[in-house]
């Protein structure tokens, strides 16, 4: 539960302080790959094909198949990041699959 709360706090901080502020967006439009704008640009590139959501879905499916808690927790983290950071279509299913996998007895 602590992992989920920390991930949610990190995702919300990234969304509200890095992605959404217009001043940062305008400053990074000029020099996308310099300094801190490079990290922001890489983060924005994950939105393009909903990569966070697909990673969450893959982790959730793998956690259901292998019953590994580590993979389930990875699915929780990426699912939470994906839901907050605009990849909610596939991230929701990955988060749900990871939760189901963690509810089952583990190896």
PDB file of N, CA and C in Angstrom:
ATOM      1  N   UNK A   1       0.818  -1.190   0.000  1.00  0.00           N
ATOM      2  CA  UNK A   1       0.000   0.000   0.000  1.00  0.00           C
ATOM      3  C   UNK A   1       0.869   1.265   0.000  1.00  0.00           C
ATOM      4  N   UNK A   2       1.987   1.195   0.719  1.00  0.00           N
ATOM      5  CA  UNK A   2       2.898   2.333   0.749  1.00  0.00           C
ATOM      6  C   UNK A   2       3.503   2.583  -0.629  1.00  0.00           C
ATOM      7  N   UNK A   3       3.807   1.498  -1.346  1.00  0.00           N
ATOM      8  CA  UNK A   3       4.351   1.619  -2.698  1.00  0.00           C
ATOM      9  C   UNK A   3       3.373   2.334  -3.605  1.00  0.00           C
ATOM     10  N   UNK A   4       2.112   1.973  -3.505  1.00  0.00           N
ATOM     11  CA  UNK A   4       1.079   2.591  -4.330  1.00  0.00           C
ATOM     12  C   UNK A   4       0.903   4.075  -3.986  1.00  0.00           C
ATOM     13  N   UNK A   5       0.934   4.404  -2.701  1.00  0.00           N
ATOM     14  CA  UNK A   5       0.783   5.800  -2.283  1.00  0.00           C
ATOM     15  C   UNK A   5       1.968   6.658  -2.745  1.00  0.00           C
ATOM     16  N   UNK A   6       3.185   6.125  -2.636  1.00  0.00           N
ATOM     17  CA  UNK A   6       4.354   6.874  -3.087  1.00  0.00           C
ATOM     18  C   UNK A   6       4.361   7.050  -4.603  1.00  0.00           C
ATOM     19  N   UNK A   7       3.942   6.017  -5.325  1.00  0.00           N
ATOM     20  CA  UNK A   7       3.875   6.116  -6.782  1.00  0.00           C
ATOM     21  C   UNK A   7       2.834   7.137  -7.204  1.00  0.00           C
ATOM     22  N   UNK A   8       1.695   7.128  -6.543  1.00  0.00           N
ATOM     23  CA  UNK A   8       0.652   8.106  -6.845  1.00  0.00           C
ATOM     24  C   UNK A   8       1.141   9.526  -6.583  1.00  0.00           C
ATOM     25  N   UNK A   9       1.836   9.727  -5.475  1.00  0.00           N
ATOM     26  CA  UNK A   9       2.372  11.059  -5.164  1.00  0.00           C
ATOM     27  C   UNK A   9       3.395  11.503  -6.204  1.00  0.00           C
ATOM     28  N   UNK A  10       4.265  10.580  -6.631  1.00  0.00           N
ATOM     29  CA  UNK A  10       5.251  10.903  -7.654  1.00  0.00           C
ATOM     30  C   UNK A  10       4.579  11.241  -8.984  1.00  0.00           C
ATOM     31  N   UNK A  11       3.601  10.449  -9.376  1.00  0.00           N
ATOM     32  CA  UNK A  11       2.911  10.688 -10.651  1.00  0.00           C
ATOM     33  C   UNK A  11       2.165  12.013 -10.640  1.00  0.00           C
ATOM     34  N   UNK A  12       1.507  12.318  -9.550  1.00  0.00           N
ATOM     35  CA  UNK A  12       0.795  13.599  -9.454  1.00  0.00           C
ATOM     36  C   UNK A  12       1.761  14.780  -9.462  1.00  0.00           C
ATOM     37  N   UNK A  13       2.903  14.623  -8.792  1.00  0.00           N
ATOM     38  CA  UNK A  13       3.906  15.694  -8.804  1.00  0.00           C
ATOM     39  C   UNK A  13       4.454  15.898 -10.211  1.00  0.00           C
ATOM     40  N   UNK A  14       4.746  14.803 -10.911  1.00  0.00           N
ATOM     41  CA  UNK A  14       5.222  14.933 -12.293  1.00  0.00           C
ATOM     42  C   UNK A  14       4.191  15.613 -13.176  1.00  0.00           C
ATOM     43  N   UNK A  15       2.936  15.230 -13.015  1.00  0.00           N
ATOM     44  CA  UNK A  15       1.886  15.790 -13.860  1.00  0.00           C
ATOM     45  C   UNK A  15       1.687  17.281 -13.607  1.00  0.00           C
ATOM     46  N   UNK A  16       1.622  17.655 -12.328  1.00  0.00           N
ATOM     47  CA  UNK A  16       1.277  19.044 -12.006  1.00  0.00           C
ATOM     48  C   UNK A  16       2.460  20.008 -12.015  1.00  0.00           C
ATOM     49  N   UNK A  17       3.685  19.494 -11.849  1.00  0.00           N
ATOM     50  CA  UNK A  17       4.833  20.394 -11.789  1.00  0.00           C
ATOM     51  C   UNK A  17       5.771  20.295 -12.987  1.00  0.00           C
ATOM     52  N   UNK A  18       5.652  19.228 -13.796  1.00  0.00           N
ATOM     53  CA  UNK A  18       6.559  19.056 -14.923  1.00  0.00           C
ATOM     54  C   UNK A  18       5.817  19.075 -16.259  1.00  0.00           C
ATOM     55  N   UNK A  19       4.698  18.379 -16.347  1.00  0.00           N
ATOM     56  CA  UNK A  19       4.010  18.218 -17.627  1.00  0.00           C
ATOM     57  C   UNK A  19       3.067  19.377 -17.937  1.00  0.00           C
ATOM     58  N   UNK A  20       2.222  19.753 -17.001  1.00  0.00           N
ATOM     59  CA  UNK A  20       1.131  20.684 -17.291  1.00  0.00           C
ATOM     60  C   UNK A  20       1.451  22.176 -17.248  1.00  0.00           C
ATOM     61  N   UNK A  21       2.428  22.659 -16.494  1.00  0.00           N
ATOM     62  CA  UNK A  21       2.625  24.117 -16.436  1.00  0.00           C
ATOM     63  C   UNK A  21       2.985  24.704 -17.801  1.00  0.00           C
ATOM     64  N   UNK A  22       2.236  25.714 -18.245  1.00  0.00           N
ATOM     65  CA  UNK A  22       2.509  26.318 -19.545  1.00  0.00           C
ATOM     66  C   UNK A  22       3.893  26.964 -19.631  1.00  0.00           C
ATOM     67  N   UNK A  23       4.378  27.522 -18.533  1.00  0.00           N
ATOM     68  CA  UNK A  23       5.690  28.182 -18.564  1.00  0.00           C
ATOM     69  C   UNK A  23       6.806  27.175 -18.881  1.00  0.00           C
ATOM     70  N   UNK A  24       6.724  25.994 -18.299  1.00  0.00           N
ATOM     71  CA  UNK A  24       7.737  24.967 -18.579  1.00  0.00           C
ATOM     72  C   UNK A  24       7.589  24.478 -20.013  1.00  0.00           C
ATOM     73  N   UNK A  25       6.357  24.328 -20.475  1.00  0.00           N
ATOM     74  CA  UNK A  25       6.135  23.893 -21.854  1.00  0.00           C
ATOM     75  C   UNK A  25       6.699  24.864 -22.869  1.00  0.00           C
ATOM     76  N   UNK A  26       6.492  26.153 -22.636  1.00  0.00           N
ATOM     77  CA  UNK A  26       7.014  27.157 -23.565  1.00  0.00           C
ATOM     78  C   UNK A  26       8.544  27.232 -23.513  1.00  0.00           C
ATOM     79  N   UNK A  27       9.101  27.077 -22.319  1.00  0.00           N
ATOM     80  CA  UNK A  27      10.562  27.109 -22.199  1.00  0.00           C
ATOM     81  C   UNK A  27      11.197  25.888 -22.868  1.00  0.00           C
ATOM     82  N   UNK A  28      10.534  24.753 -22.784  1.00  0.00           N
ATOM     83  CA  UNK A  28      11.095  23.533 -23.365  1.00  0.00           C
ATOM     84  C   UNK A  28      10.795  23.394 -24.853  1.00  0.00           C
ATOM     85  N   UNK A  29       9.911  24.210 -25.405  1.00  0.00           N
ATOM     86  CA  UNK A  29       9.658  24.167 -26.841  1.00  0.00           C
ATOM     87  C   UNK A  29      10.881  24.632 -27.630  1.00  0.00           C
ATOM     88  N   UNK A  30      11.636  25.528 -27.052  1.00  0.00           N
ATOM     89  CA  UNK A  30      12.800  26.082 -27.731  1.00  0.00           C
ATOM     90  C   UNK A  30      13.962  25.088 -27.729  1.00  0.00           C
ATOM     91  N   UNK A  31      14.214  24.457 -26.598  1.00  0.00           N
ATOM     92  CA  UNK A  31      15.351  23.542 -26.458  1.00  0.00           C
ATOM     93  C   UNK A  31      14.875  22.257 -25.790  1.00  0.00           C
ATOM     94  N   UNK A  32      14.310  21.366 -26.576  1.00  0.00           N
ATOM     95  CA  UNK A  32      13.718  20.141 -26.019  1.00  0.00           C
ATOM     96  C   UNK A  32      14.730  19.183 -25.415  1.00  0.00           C
ATOM     97  N   UNK A  33      15.942  19.133 -25.927  1.00  0.00           N
ATOM     98  CA  UNK A  33      16.911  18.133 -25.495  1.00  0.00           C
ATOM     99  C   UNK A  33      18.056  18.730 -24.691  1.00  0.00           C
ATOM    100  N   UNK A  34      17.825  19.839 -24.016  1.00  0.00           N
ATOM    101  CA  UNK A  34      18.870  20.450 -23.206  1.00  0.00           C
ATOM    102  C   UNK A  34      18.422  20.505 -21.750  1.00  0.00           C
ATOM    103  N   UNK A  35      19.305  20.114 -20.860  1.00  0.00           N
ATOM    104  CA  UNK A  35      19.052  20.208 -19.430  1.00  0.00           C
ATOM    105  C   UNK A  35      17.871  19.373 -18.970  1.00  0.00           C
ATOM    106  N   UNK A  36      17.054  19.982 -18.116  1.00  0.00           N
ATOM    107  CA  UNK A  36      15.885  19.300 -17.572  1.00  0.00           C
ATOM    108  C   UNK A  36      14.787  19.058 -18.592  1.00  0.00           C
ATOM    109  N   UNK A  37      14.825  19.791 -19.685  1.00  0.00           N
ATOM    110  CA  UNK A  37      13.814  19.600 -20.733  1.00  0.00           C
ATOM    111  C   UNK A  37      13.965  18.245 -21.412  1.00  0.00           C
ATOM    112  N   UNK A  38      15.154  17.669 -21.398  1.00  0.00           N
ATOM    113  CA  UNK A  38      15.347  16.353 -22.009  1.00  0.00           C
ATOM    114  C   UNK A  38      14.554  15.292 -21.254  1.00  0.00           C
ATOM    115  N   UNK A  39      14.563  15.352 -19.928  1.00  0.00           N
ATOM    116  CA  UNK A  39      13.782  14.397 -19.132  1.00  0.00           C
ATOM    117  C   UNK A  39      12.283  14.607 -19.356  1.00  0.00           C
ATOM    118  N   UNK A  40      11.867  15.857 -19.450  1.00  0.00           N
ATOM    119  CA  UNK A  40      10.458  16.148 -19.712  1.00  0.00           C
ATOM    120  C   UNK A  40      10.057  15.633 -21.091  1.00  0.00           C
ATOM    121  N   UNK A  41      10.913  15.798 -22.081  1.00  0.00           N
ATOM    122  CA  UNK A  41      10.622  15.333 -23.429  1.00  0.00           C
ATOM    123  C   UNK A  41      10.503  13.810 -23.465  1.00  0.00           C
ATOM    124  N   UNK A  42      11.390  13.107 -22.761  1.00  0.00           N
ATOM    125  CA  UNK A  42      11.295  11.655 -22.691  1.00  0.00           C
ATOM    126  C   UNK A  42      10.009  11.208 -22.023  1.00  0.00           C
ATOM    127  N   UNK A  43       9.599  11.906 -20.976  1.00  0.00           N
ATOM    128  CA  UNK A  43       8.340  11.593 -20.306  1.00  0.00           C
ATOM    129  C   UNK A  43       7.163  11.814 -21.241  1.00  0.00           C
ATOM    130  N   UNK A  44       7.179  12.908 -21.970  1.00  0.00           N
ATOM    131  CA  UNK A  44       6.095  13.189 -22.904  1.00  0.00           C
ATOM    132  C   UNK A  44       6.040  12.174 -24.041  1.00  0.00           C
ATOM    133  N   UNK A  45       7.192  11.638 -24.421  1.00  0.00           N
ATOM    134  CA  UNK A  45       7.216  10.646 -25.484  1.00  0.00           C
ATOM    135  C   UNK A  45       6.531   9.339 -25.061  1.00  0.00           C
ATOM    136  N   UNK A  46       6.481   9.053 -23.756  1.00  0.00           N
ATOM    137  CA  UNK A  46       5.780   7.850 -23.303  1.00  0.00           C
ATOM    138  C   UNK A  46       4.273   7.980 -23.478  1.00  0.00           C
ATOM    139  N   UNK A  47       3.766   9.197 -23.598  1.00  0.00           N
ATOM    140  CA  UNK A  47       2.327   9.403 -23.794  1.00  0.00           C
ATOM    141  C   UNK A  47       1.900   9.046 -25.215  1.00  0.00           C
ATOM    142  N   UNK A  48       2.823   9.135 -26.151  1.00  0.00           N
ATOM    143  CA  UNK A  48       2.491   9.019 -27.560  1.00  0.00           C
ATOM    144  C   UNK A  48       1.840   7.683 -27.904  1.00  0.00           C
ATOM    145  N   UNK A  49       2.393   6.597 -27.444  1.00  0.00           N
ATOM    146  CA  UNK A  49       1.846   5.272 -27.739  1.00  0.00           C
ATOM    147  C   UNK A  49       1.362   4.572 -26.473  1.00  0.00           C
ATOM    148  N   UNK A  50       1.087   5.331 -25.423  1.00  0.00           N
ATOM    149  CA  UNK A  50       0.614   4.815 -24.135  1.00  0.00           C
ATOM    150  C   UNK A  50       1.543   3.734 -23.593  1.00  0.00           C
ATOM    151  N   UNK A  51       2.825   3.999 -23.628  1.00  0.00           N
ATOM    152  CA  UNK A  51       3.814   3.008 -23.233  1.00  0.00           C
ATOM    153  C   UNK A  51       3.712   2.603 -21.767  1.00  0.00           C
ATOM    154  N   UNK A  52       3.401   3.535 -20.890  1.00  0.00           N
ATOM    155  CA  UNK A  52       3.256   3.179 -19.480  1.00  0.00           C
ATOM    156  C   UNK A  52       2.114   2.191 -19.280  1.00  0.00           C
ATOM    157  N   UNK A  53       1.027   2.385 -19.999  1.00  0.00           N
ATOM    158  CA  UNK A  53      -0.114   1.481 -19.899  1.00  0.00           C
ATOM    159  C   UNK A  53       0.196   0.095 -20.425  1.00  0.00           C
ATOM    160  N   UNK A  54       0.915   0.027 -21.535  1.00  0.00           N
ATOM    161  CA  UNK A  54       1.274  -1.280 -22.093  1.00  0.00           C
ATOM    162  C   UNK A  54       2.235  -2.021 -21.185  1.00  0.00           C
ATOM    163  N   UNK A  55       3.153  -1.314 -20.552  1.00  0.00           N
ATOM    164  CA  UNK A  55       4.068  -1.955 -19.598  1.00  0.00           C
ATOM    165  C   UNK A  55       3.280  -2.481 -18.407  1.00  0.00           C
ATOM    166  N   UNK A  56       2.316  -1.701 -17.915  1.00  0.00           N
ATOM    167  CA  UNK A  56       1.485  -2.150 -16.797  1.00  0.00           C
ATOM    168  C   UNK A  56       0.682  -3.385 -17.172  1.00  0.00           C
ATOM    169  N   UNK A  57       0.132  -3.398 -18.378  1.00  0.00           N
ATOM    170  CA  UNK A  57      -0.646  -4.542 -18.826  1.00  0.00           C
ATOM    171  C   UNK A  57       0.232  -5.788 -18.967  1.00  0.00           C
ATOM    172  N   UNK A  58       1.425  -5.617 -19.502  1.00  0.00           N
ATOM    173  CA  UNK A  58       2.346  -6.751 -19.627  1.00  0.00           C
ATOM    174  C   UNK A  58       2.757  -7.278 -18.257  1.00  0.00           C
ATOM    175  N   UNK A  59       3.039  -6.389 -17.327  1.00  0.00           N
ATOM    176  CA  UNK A  59       3.408  -6.815 -15.972  1.00  0.00           C
ATOM    177  C   UNK A  59       2.240  -7.520 -15.285  1.00  0.00           C
ATOM    178  N   UNK A  60       1.029  -7.000 -15.464  1.00  0.00           N
ATOM    179  CA  UNK A  60      -0.142  -7.639 -14.865  1.00  0.00           C
ATOM    180  C   UNK A  60      -0.386  -9.023 -15.412  1.00  0.00           C
ATOM    181  N   UNK A  61      -0.274  -9.192 -16.726  1.00  0.00           N
ATOM    182  CA  UNK A  61      -0.462 -10.509 -17.338  1.00  0.00           C
ATOM    183  C   UNK A  61       0.637 -11.475 -16.891  1.00  0.00           C
ATOM    184  N   UNK A  62       1.863 -10.988 -16.847  1.00  0.00           N
ATOM    185  CA  UNK A  62       2.973 -11.830 -16.415  1.00  0.00           C
ATOM    186  C   UNK A  62       2.839 -12.216 -14.944  1.00  0.00           C
ATOM    187  N   UNK A  63       2.352 -11.295 -14.137  1.00  0.00           N
ATOM    188  CA  UNK A  63       2.153 -11.594 -12.713  1.00  0.00           C
ATOM    189  C   UNK A  63       1.054 -12.635 -12.527  1.00  0.00           C
ATOM    190  N   UNK A  64       0.008 -12.586 -13.344  1.00  0.00           N
ATOM    191  CA  UNK A  64      -1.032 -13.604 -13.256  1.00  0.00           C
ATOM    192  C   UNK A  64      -0.514 -14.975 -13.682  1.00  0.00           C
ATOM    193  N   UNK A  65       0.351 -14.999 -14.679  1.00  0.00           N
ATOM    194  CA  UNK A  65       0.869 -16.272 -15.173  1.00  0.00           C
ATOM    195  C   UNK A  65       1.931 -16.880 -14.260  1.00  0.00           C
ATOM    196  N   UNK A  66       2.811 -16.058 -13.724  1.00  0.00           N
ATOM    197  CA  UNK A  66       3.946 -16.579 -12.953  1.00  0.00           C
ATOM    198  C   UNK A  66       3.736 -16.543 -11.447  1.00  0.00           C
ATOM    199  N   UNK A  67       2.761 -15.775 -10.984  1.00  0.00           N
ATOM    200  CA  UNK A  67       2.498 -15.598  -9.549  1.00  0.00           C
ATOM    201  C   UNK A  67       3.697 -15.015  -8.808  1.00  0.00           C
ATOM    202  N   UNK A  68       4.417 -14.141  -9.437  1.00  0.00           N
ATOM    203  CA  UNK A  68       5.567 -13.479  -8.816  1.00  0.00           C
ATOM    204  C   UNK A  68       5.125 -12.130  -8.264  1.00  0.00           C
ATOM    205  N   UNK A  69       5.376 -11.917  -6.979  1.00  0.00           N
ATOM    206  CA  UNK A  69       4.948 -10.677  -6.334  1.00  0.00           C
ATOM    207  C   UNK A  69       5.698  -9.470  -6.881  1.00  0.00           C
ATOM    208  N   UNK A  70       6.959  -9.623  -7.222  1.00  0.00           N
ATOM    209  CA  UNK A  70       7.761  -8.498  -7.733  1.00  0.00           C
ATOM    210  C   UNK A  70       7.156  -7.965  -9.027  1.00  0.00           C
ATOM    211  N   UNK A  71       6.746  -8.868  -9.891  1.00  0.00           N
ATOM    212  CA  UNK A  71       6.143  -8.451 -11.158  1.00  0.00           C
ATOM    213  C   UNK A  71       4.785  -7.801 -10.895  1.00  0.00           C
ATOM    214  N   UNK A  72       4.050  -8.303  -9.924  1.00  0.00           N
ATOM    215  CA  UNK A  72       2.774  -7.690  -9.552  1.00  0.00           C
ATOM    216  C   UNK A  72       2.937  -6.275  -9.030  1.00  0.00           C
ATOM    217  N   UNK A  73       3.958  -6.074  -8.204  1.00  0.00           N
ATOM    218  CA  UNK A  73       4.227  -4.723  -7.703  1.00  0.00           C
ATOM    219  C   UNK A  73       4.683  -3.790  -8.821  1.00  0.00           C
ATOM    220  N   UNK A  74       5.449  -4.310  -9.763  1.00  0.00           N
ATOM    221  CA  UNK A  74       5.841  -3.495 -10.917  1.00  0.00           C
ATOM    222  C   UNK A  74       4.612  -3.096 -11.720  1.00  0.00           C
ATOM    223  N   UNK A  75       3.671  -4.019 -11.869  1.00  0.00           N
ATOM    224  CA  UNK A  75       2.417  -3.695 -12.551  1.00  0.00           C
ATOM    225  C   UNK A  75       1.618  -2.640 -11.820  1.00  0.00           C
ATOM    226  N   UNK A  76       1.623  -2.702 -10.489  1.00  0.00           N
ATOM    227  CA  UNK A  76       0.951  -1.665  -9.702  1.00  0.00           C
ATOM    228  C   UNK A  76       1.576  -0.298  -9.927  1.00  0.00           C
ATOM    229  N   UNK A  77       2.900  -0.263  -9.896  1.00  0.00           N
ATOM    230  CA  UNK A  77       3.615   1.016 -10.070  1.00  0.00           C
ATOM    231  C   UNK A  77       3.348   1.591 -11.454  1.00  0.00           C
ATOM    232  N   UNK A  78       3.547   0.783 -12.501  1.00  0.00           N
ATOM    233  CA  UNK A  78       3.344   1.290 -13.851  1.00  0.00           C
ATOM    234  C   UNK A  78       1.870   1.572 -14.127  1.00  0.00           C
ATOM    235  N   UNK A  79       0.977   0.801 -13.529  1.00  0.00           N
ATOM    236  CA  UNK A  79      -0.447   1.068 -13.692  1.00  0.00           C
ATOM    237  C   UNK A  79      -0.862   2.393 -13.077  1.00  0.00           C
ATOM    238  N   UNK A  80      -0.349   2.658 -11.897  1.00  0.00           N
ATOM    239  CA  UNK A  80      -0.648   3.930 -11.236  1.00  0.00           C
ATOM    240  C   UNK A  80      -0.051   5.098 -12.015  1.00  0.00           C
ATOM    241  N   UNK A  81       1.186   4.946 -12.472  1.00  0.00           N
ATOM    242  CA  UNK A  81       1.805   5.992 -13.289  1.00  0.00           C
ATOM    243  C   UNK A  81       1.017   6.214 -14.575  1.00  0.00           C
ATOM    244  N   UNK A  82       0.599   5.128 -15.209  1.00  0.00           N
ATOM    245  CA  UNK A  82      -0.134   5.240 -16.462  1.00  0.00           C
ATOM    246  C   UNK A  82      -1.491   5.893 -16.310  1.00  0.00           C
ATOM    247  N   UNK A  83      -2.185   5.577 -15.231  1.00  0.00           N
ATOM    248  CA  UNK A  83      -3.510   6.181 -15.019  1.00  0.00           C
ATOM    249  C   UNK A  83      -3.391   7.684 -14.814  1.00  0.00           C
ATOM    250  N   UNK A  84      -2.423   8.111 -14.044  1.00  0.00           N
ATOM    251  CA  UNK A  84      -2.270   9.541 -13.777  1.00  0.00           C
ATOM    252  C   UNK A  84      -1.642  10.270 -14.962  1.00  0.00           C
ATOM    253  N   UNK A  85      -0.751   9.590 -15.683  1.00  0.00           N
ATOM    254  CA  UNK A  85      -0.012  10.246 -16.761  1.00  0.00           C
ATOM    255  C   UNK A  85      -0.563   9.871 -18.143  1.00  0.00           C
ATOM    256  N   UNK A  86      -1.858   9.924 -18.292  1.00  0.00           N
ATOM    257  CA  UNK A  86      -2.535   9.924 -19.593  1.00  0.00           C
ATOM    258  C   UNK A  86      -2.473   8.628 -20.388  1.00  0.00           C
ATOM    259  N   UNK A  87      -2.198   7.491 -19.774  1.00  0.00           N
ATOM    260  CA  UNK A  87      -2.223   6.202 -20.469  1.00  0.00           C
ATOM    261  C   UNK A  87      -3.245   5.286 -19.805  1.00  0.00           C
ATOM    262  N   UNK A  88      -4.390   5.843 -19.496  1.00  0.00           N
ATOM    263  CA  UNK A  88      -5.346   5.154 -18.634  1.00  0.00           C
ATOM    264  C   UNK A  88      -6.050   3.975 -19.293  1.00  0.00           C
ATOM    265  N   UNK A  89      -6.124   3.908 -20.614  1.00  0.00           N
ATOM    266  CA  UNK A  89      -6.847   2.816 -21.267  1.00  0.00           C
ATOM    267  C   UNK A  89      -6.265   1.458 -20.902  1.00  0.00           C
ATOM    268  N   UNK A  90      -5.015   1.252 -21.167  1.00  0.00           N
ATOM    269  CA  UNK A  90      -4.385  -0.035 -20.890  1.00  0.00           C
ATOM    270  C   UNK A  90      -3.860  -0.124 -19.463  1.00  0.00           C
ATOM    271  N   UNK A  91      -3.527   0.995 -18.856  1.00  0.00           N
ATOM    272  CA  UNK A  91      -2.988   0.975 -17.499  1.00  0.00           C
ATOM    273  C   UNK A  91      -4.022   0.493 -16.488  1.00  0.00           C
ATOM    274  N   UNK A  92      -5.278   0.794 -16.713  1.00  0.00           N
ATOM    275  CA  UNK A  92      -6.320   0.355 -15.783  1.00  0.00           C
ATOM    276  C   UNK A  92      -6.415  -1.166 -15.764  1.00  0.00           C
ATOM    277  N   UNK A  93      -6.351  -1.784 -16.931  1.00  0.00           N
ATOM    278  CA  UNK A  93      -6.395  -3.242 -16.985  1.00  0.00           C
ATOM    279  C   UNK A  93      -5.141  -3.855 -16.376  1.00  0.00           C
ATOM    280  N   UNK A  94      -3.990  -3.239 -16.608  1.00  0.00           N
ATOM    281  CA  UNK A  94      -2.752  -3.728 -16.011  1.00  0.00           C
ATOM    282  C   UNK A  94      -2.762  -3.612 -14.503  1.00  0.00           C
ATOM    283  N   UNK A  95      -3.288  -2.506 -13.993  1.00  0.00           N
ATOM    284  CA  UNK A  95      -3.389  -2.309 -12.555  1.00  0.00           C
ATOM    285  C   UNK A  95      -4.320  -3.341 -11.938  1.00  0.00           C
ATOM    286  N   UNK A  96      -5.445  -3.589 -12.588  1.00  0.00           N
ATOM    287  CA  UNK A  96      -6.403  -4.570 -12.090  1.00  0.00           C
ATOM    288  C   UNK A  96      -5.816  -5.980 -12.108  1.00  0.00           C
ATOM    289  N   UNK A  97      -5.147  -6.337 -13.201  1.00  0.00           N
ATOM    290  CA  UNK A  97      -4.530  -7.662 -13.287  1.00  0.00           C
ATOM    291  C   UNK A  97      -3.448  -7.829 -12.224  1.00  0.00           C
ATOM    292  N   UNK A  98      -2.687  -6.780 -11.976  1.00  0.00           N
ATOM    293  CA  UNK A  98      -1.639  -6.853 -10.953  1.00  0.00           C
ATOM    294  C   UNK A  98      -2.244  -7.014  -9.563  1.00  0.00           C
ATOM    295  N   UNK A  99      -3.331  -6.308  -9.295  1.00  0.00           N
ATOM    296  CA  UNK A  99      -4.000  -6.453  -8.001  1.00  0.00           C
ATOM    297  C   UNK A  99      -4.551  -7.865  -7.822  1.00  0.00           C
ATOM    298  N   UNK A 100      -5.143  -8.401  -8.890  1.00  0.00           N
ATOM    299  CA  UNK A 100      -5.645  -9.775  -8.809  1.00  0.00           C
ATOM    300  C   UNK A 100      -4.513 -10.764  -8.579  1.00  0.00           C
ATOM    301  N   UNK A 101      -3.397 -10.551  -9.233  1.00  0.00           N
ATOM    302  CA  UNK A 101      -2.260 -11.455  -9.072  1.00  0.00           C
ATOM    303  C   UNK A 101      -1.708 -11.384  -7.650  1.00  0.00           C
ATOM    304  N   UNK A 102      -1.702 -10.198  -7.060  1.00  0.00           N
ATOM    305  CA  UNK A 102      -1.182 -10.063  -5.699  1.00  0.00           C
ATOM    306  C   UNK A 102      -2.141 -10.601  -4.658  1.00  0.00           C
ATOM    307  N   UNK A 103      -3.409 -10.749  -4.996  1.00  0.00           N
ATOM    308  CA  UNK A 103      -4.385 -11.324  -4.058  1.00  0.00           C
ATOM    309  C   UNK A 103      -4.282 -12.845  -4.004  1.00  0.00           C
ATOM    310  N   UNK A 104      -3.751 -13.447  -5.066  1.00  0.00           N
ATOM    311  CA  UNK A 104      -3.597 -14.904  -5.103  1.00  0.00           C
ATOM    312  C   UNK A 104      -2.388 -15.318  -4.271  1.00  0.00           C
ATOM    313  N   UNK A 105      -2.368 -16.566  -3.831  1.00  0.00           N
ATOM    314  CA  UNK A 105      -1.167 -17.043  -3.102  1.00  0.00           C
ATOM    315  C   UNK A 105       0.057 -16.986  -4.013  1.00  0.00           C
ATOM    316  N   UNK A 106       1.163 -16.530  -3.466  1.00  0.00           N
ATOM    317  CA  UNK A 106       2.393 -16.349  -4.237  1.00  0.00           C
ATOM    318  C   UNK A 106       3.291 -17.566  -4.097  1.00  0.00           C
ATOM    319  N   UNK A 107       4.223 -17.709  -5.024  1.00  0.00           N
ATOM    320  CA  UNK A 107       5.220 -18.780  -4.955  1.00  0.00           C
ATOM    321  C   UNK A 107       6.316 -18.403  -3.992  1.00  0.00           C
TER     322      UNK A 107
END
